Amino acid sequence: MRITGFCPLIITKDPEAVVKLFEDMGFEKRHTKRDIEGGANTTFAMKDAYGNRINITSSETVPKDMTSITMNVDDFREAYDFLIAHGFSDPRGDKVTETSSSIATMLFSPTGIPVTVSEHIKALRYQDQIGDIKDDPRSQKQLKVMMDVVAAAFRNNMASYIKLVQMDVLKEFNRMCDKEGIGGERVKFCHGIMDPVLMQINKDLYDKIEAEFELAKEQLDRSE
């Protein structure tokens, strides 16, 4: 289990007022999730210019505002079992909240502290990472250098890539022939001649990728 995010969570009947309060303190909405409990609840993920995060969730069932902790993890079930084994309790009896982008539930520590354990799907993690890049000039510079290298590689080696795709198709054809027991001189030729060629091309491309990566690192060092 790996923790991928950790921030406060406020559960409230009046999320708009709480969101406005944090906006006045310099926070901005990063994500809004509206499909919690079939649309009954909404969560606003917020972040300020210094990287501080807070989540605000609506609920009509809490008698008053509740402060919790959101703990994002890469494996919900593993994290859940780990916390239960360490004395945490599940007041909902193993019921979890599943949405289009996450699976989560609230557990209580032995001393009564509420912790919401949540696993985000990969697409949302990547969205968070892209947002972080936008906020960091150094990350933007690194991304630009790397994308320039990739673009140059495609421009300079497109013919090689086309040939590689053609050879992959041919290799798949050979595999299907072998599976169905179809022989012939063409298949023998491909196994005897084309397979070694494919392996050599793969090695050459791998070596080129390593060289391009080293060049990218040098460019990044010079840009610092």
Protein backbone atom coordinates (compact mmCIF):
# COMPACT_ATOMS: atom_id res chain seq x y z
CA MET A 1 0.00 0.00 0.00
CA ARG A 2 1.22 3.49 -0.85
CA ILE A 3 -0.32 6.79 0.26
CA THR A 4 -0.73 9.05 -2.79
CA GLY A 5 -2.38 12.02 -1.08
CA PHE A 6 -3.20 13.32 2.39
CA CYS A 7 -5.35 16.34 3.23
CA PRO A 8 -8.13 17.62 5.52
CA LEU A 9 -11.78 16.92 4.65
CA ILE A 10 -14.73 19.02 5.81
CA ILE A 11 -18.18 17.40 5.66
CA THR A 12 -20.95 19.98 5.81
CA LYS A 13 -24.59 20.74 4.98
CA ASP A 14 -23.52 24.07 3.48
CA PRO A 15 -20.59 23.31 1.15
CA GLU A 16 -20.98 26.55 -0.84
CA ALA A 17 -20.28 28.66 2.25
CA VAL A 18 -17.23 26.59 3.19
CA VAL A 19 -15.91 26.66 -0.38
CA LYS A 20 -16.34 30.45 -0.45
CA LEU A 21 -14.43 30.77 2.82
CA PHE A 22 -11.45 28.87 1.44
CA GLU A 23 -11.60 30.73 -1.87
CA ASP A 24 -11.24 33.94 0.12
CA MET A 25 -8.11 32.41 1.66
CA GLY A 26 -6.57 31.77 -1.76
CA PHE A 27 -7.76 28.25 -2.55
CA GLU A 28 -9.14 27.29 -5.96
CA LYS A 29 -11.41 24.42 -7.01
CA ARG A 30 -9.37 21.72 -8.77
CA HIS A 31 -12.01 19.01 -9.15
CA THR A 32 -15.74 18.69 -8.49
CA LYS A 33 -17.20 15.23 -8.03
CA ARG A 34 -21.00 15.10 -8.20
CA ASP A 35 -21.76 11.36 -8.49
CA ILE A 36 -21.30 10.43 -4.82
CA GLU A 37 -24.08 8.24 -3.38
CA GLY A 38 -25.97 8.50 -6.66
CA GLY A 39 -25.63 12.27 -6.83
CA ALA A 40 -26.78 12.94 -3.26
CA ASN A 41 -23.42 14.40 -2.23
CA THR A 42 -20.77 16.53 -3.93
CA THR A 43 -17.07 16.85 -3.17
CA PHE A 44 -14.93 19.86 -4.04
CA ALA A 45 -11.15 19.33 -4.15
CA MET A 46 -9.31 22.61 -3.58
CA LYS A 47 -5.68 23.71 -3.66
CA ASP A 48 -3.80 26.94 -3.01
CA ALA A 49 -0.70 28.41 -4.64
CA TYR A 50 1.57 26.75 -2.06
CA GLY A 51 0.32 23.25 -2.78
CA ASN A 52 -1.93 22.95 0.29
CA ARG A 53 -5.06 20.91 -0.36
CA ILE A 54 -8.48 20.54 1.24
CA ASN A 55 -11.59 18.56 0.29
CA ILE A 56 -15.10 19.76 1.07
CA THR A 57 -18.03 17.33 0.87
CA SER A 58 -21.75 18.00 1.14
CA SER A 59 -23.97 15.85 3.34
CA GLU A 60 -27.55 16.22 4.54
CA THR A 61 -27.13 13.64 7.30
CA VAL A 62 -24.42 15.22 9.47
CA PRO A 63 -25.89 17.13 12.45
CA LYS A 64 -23.03 19.64 12.26
CA ASP A 65 -19.84 20.18 10.30
CA MET A 66 -17.35 17.33 10.67
CA THR A 67 -13.61 17.51 10.12
CA SER A 68 -12.00 14.36 8.76
CA ILE A 69 -8.84 13.34 6.94
CA THR A 70 -8.76 12.21 3.33
CA MET A 71 -6.10 9.55 2.71
CA ASN A 72 -5.71 8.67 -0.96
CA VAL A 73 -4.07 5.29 -1.55
CA ASP A 74 -3.08 3.19 -4.53
CA ASP A 75 -4.92 0.09 -3.24
CA PHE A 76 -8.18 0.63 -1.36
CA ARG A 77 -8.70 -2.93 -0.14
CA GLU A 78 -5.14 -3.25 1.14
CA ALA A 79 -5.40 0.07 3.00
CA TYR A 80 -8.82 -0.84 4.40
CA ASP A 81 -7.62 -4.19 5.74
CA PHE A 82 -4.47 -2.58 7.17
CA LEU A 83 -6.41 0.04 9.15
CA ILE A 84 -9.02 -2.47 10.38
CA ALA A 85 -6.18 -4.69 11.61
CA HIS A 86 -4.84 -1.69 13.57
CA GLY A 87 -8.07 -1.09 15.44
CA PHE A 88 -10.01 1.17 13.07
CA SER A 89 -13.76 0.58 12.88
CA ASP A 90 -16.21 0.77 9.98
CA PRO A 91 -19.56 2.20 11.15
CA ARG A 92 -21.19 1.32 7.81
CA GLY A 93 -20.37 -2.35 8.04
CA ASP A 94 -18.01 -2.74 5.07
CA LYS A 95 -20.20 -0.59 2.79
CA VAL A 96 -18.13 1.48 0.37
CA THR A 97 -18.92 4.45 -1.87
CA GLU A 98 -18.10 3.84 -5.51
CA THR A 99 -18.15 6.58 -8.15
CA SER A 100 -16.96 6.85 -11.73
CA SER A 101 -13.52 7.90 -10.50
CA SER A 102 -12.99 6.44 -7.02
CA ILE A 103 -13.83 3.96 -4.29
CA ALA A 104 -13.90 5.25 -0.72
CA THR A 105 -15.25 4.85 2.81
CA MET A 106 -14.87 6.51 6.20
CA LEU A 107 -13.21 4.64 9.04
CA PHE A 108 -12.77 5.71 12.67
CA SER A 109 -9.52 5.32 14.58
CA PRO A 110 -9.54 3.75 18.06
CA THR A 111 -9.53 7.31 19.49
CA GLY A 112 -12.43 8.42 17.29
CA ILE A 113 -10.61 10.29 14.50
CA PRO A 114 -12.46 9.89 11.16
CA VAL A 115 -10.31 8.95 8.16
CA THR A 116 -11.75 8.70 4.66
CA VAL A 117 -9.78 6.12 2.67
CA SER A 118 -10.02 6.67 -1.08
CA GLU A 119 -8.50 5.11 -4.19
CA HIS A 120 -8.67 7.19 -7.35
CA ILE A 121 -8.66 5.62 -10.78
CA LYS A 122 -5.54 6.27 -12.87
CA ALA A 123 -7.16 8.84 -15.12
CA LEU A 124 -7.87 11.10 -12.18
CA ARG A 125 -4.36 10.66 -10.79
CA TYR A 126 -2.95 11.76 -14.13
CA GLN A 127 -5.29 14.74 -14.09
CA ASP A 128 -3.89 15.75 -10.69
CA GLN A 129 -0.34 15.35 -11.97
CA ILE A 130 -1.06 17.50 -15.03
CA GLY A 131 -2.51 20.16 -12.75
CA ASP A 132 0.65 20.10 -10.64
CA ILE A 133 2.81 20.53 -13.76
CA LYS A 134 0.81 23.59 -14.77
CA ASP A 135 1.55 25.14 -11.36
CA ASP A 136 5.30 24.47 -11.47
CA PRO A 137 7.42 26.46 -13.99
CA ARG A 138 10.36 24.05 -13.64
CA SER A 139 8.11 21.06 -14.43
CA GLN A 140 6.72 22.93 -17.41
CA LYS A 141 10.26 23.50 -18.71
CA GLN A 142 11.16 19.84 -18.23
CA LEU A 143 7.99 18.71 -20.00
CA LYS A 144 8.66 21.01 -22.95
CA VAL A 145 12.22 19.72 -23.38
CA MET A 146 11.04 16.10 -23.27
CA MET A 147 8.21 16.72 -25.74
CA ASP A 148 10.62 18.48 -28.11
CA VAL A 149 12.85 15.38 -28.01
CA VAL A 150 9.89 13.08 -28.73
CA ALA A 151 8.70 15.30 -31.60
CA ALA A 152 12.19 15.34 -33.13
CA ALA A 153 12.43 11.57 -32.82
CA PHE A 154 9.20 11.10 -34.76
CA ARG A 155 10.20 13.61 -37.44
CA ASN A 156 13.62 12.05 -37.98
CA ASN A 157 12.63 8.38 -37.73
CA MET A 158 9.10 8.14 -39.12
CA ALA A 159 10.19 5.81 -41.92
CA SER A 160 11.70 3.44 -39.36
CA TYR A 161 8.52 3.46 -37.30
CA ILE A 162 6.39 2.64 -40.35
CA LYS A 163 8.66 -0.30 -41.20
CA LEU A 164 8.52 -1.46 -37.58
CA VAL A 165 4.72 -1.49 -37.63
CA GLN A 166 4.75 -3.46 -40.88
CA MET A 167 7.13 -6.00 -39.38
CA ASP A 168 4.97 -6.30 -36.24
CA VAL A 169 1.99 -7.13 -38.45
CA LEU A 170 4.06 -9.74 -40.26
CA LYS A 171 5.22 -11.22 -36.97
CA GLU A 172 1.62 -11.50 -35.75
CA PHE A 173 0.72 -13.21 -39.03
CA ASN A 174 3.49 -15.75 -38.41
CA ARG A 175 2.28 -16.36 -34.86
CA MET A 176 -1.23 -17.09 -36.14
CA CYS A 177 0.17 -19.48 -38.76
CA ASP A 178 2.11 -21.35 -36.09
CA LYS A 179 -0.99 -21.55 -33.86
CA GLU A 180 -3.09 -23.09 -36.66
CA GLY A 181 -0.32 -25.37 -37.87
CA ILE A 182 0.04 -23.61 -41.21
CA GLY A 183 3.54 -24.00 -42.61
CA GLY A 184 5.13 -23.07 -45.87
CA GLU A 185 8.27 -21.47 -47.25
CA ARG A 186 7.03 -17.96 -46.42
CA VAL A 187 6.72 -18.76 -42.72
CA LYS A 188 10.09 -20.52 -42.66
CA PHE A 189 11.69 -17.48 -44.32
CA CYS A 190 10.11 -15.13 -41.79
CA HIS A 191 11.27 -17.18 -38.82
CA GLY A 192 14.74 -17.68 -40.20
CA ILE A 193 15.40 -14.22 -41.62
CA MET A 194 12.84 -11.71 -40.35
CA ASP A 195 12.88 -12.58 -36.64
CA PRO A 196 16.60 -11.78 -36.24
CA VAL A 197 16.04 -8.55 -38.20
CA LEU A 198 13.21 -7.57 -35.88
CA MET A 199 15.34 -8.23 -32.84
CA GLN A 200 18.17 -6.10 -34.25
CA ILE A 201 15.79 -3.24 -35.06
CA ASN A 202 14.39 -3.45 -31.54
CA LYS A 203 17.90 -3.23 -30.08
CA ASP A 204 18.82 -0.30 -32.36
CA LEU A 205 15.69 1.61 -31.36
CA TYR A 206 16.34 0.92 -27.69
CA ASP A 207 19.89 2.24 -28.03
CA LYS A 208 18.56 5.33 -29.79
CA ILE A 209 16.02 5.94 -27.02
CA GLU A 210 18.82 5.80 -24.45
CA ALA A 211 20.88 8.27 -26.49
CA GLU A 212 17.91 10.64 -26.88
CA PHE A 213 17.27 10.46 -23.13
CA GLU A 214 20.86 11.35 -22.31
CA LEU A 215 20.61 14.29 -24.71
CA ALA A 216 17.40 15.43 -23.00
CA LYS A 217 19.10 15.32 -19.60
CA GLU A 218 21.96 17.45 -20.90
CA GLN A 219 19.48 20.01 -22.29
CA LEU A 220 17.66 20.13 -18.96
CA ASP A 221 20.93 20.66 -17.08
CA ARG A 222 21.84 23.55 -19.37
CA SER A 223 18.40 25.13 -18.97
CA GLU A 224 18.59 25.26 -15.15
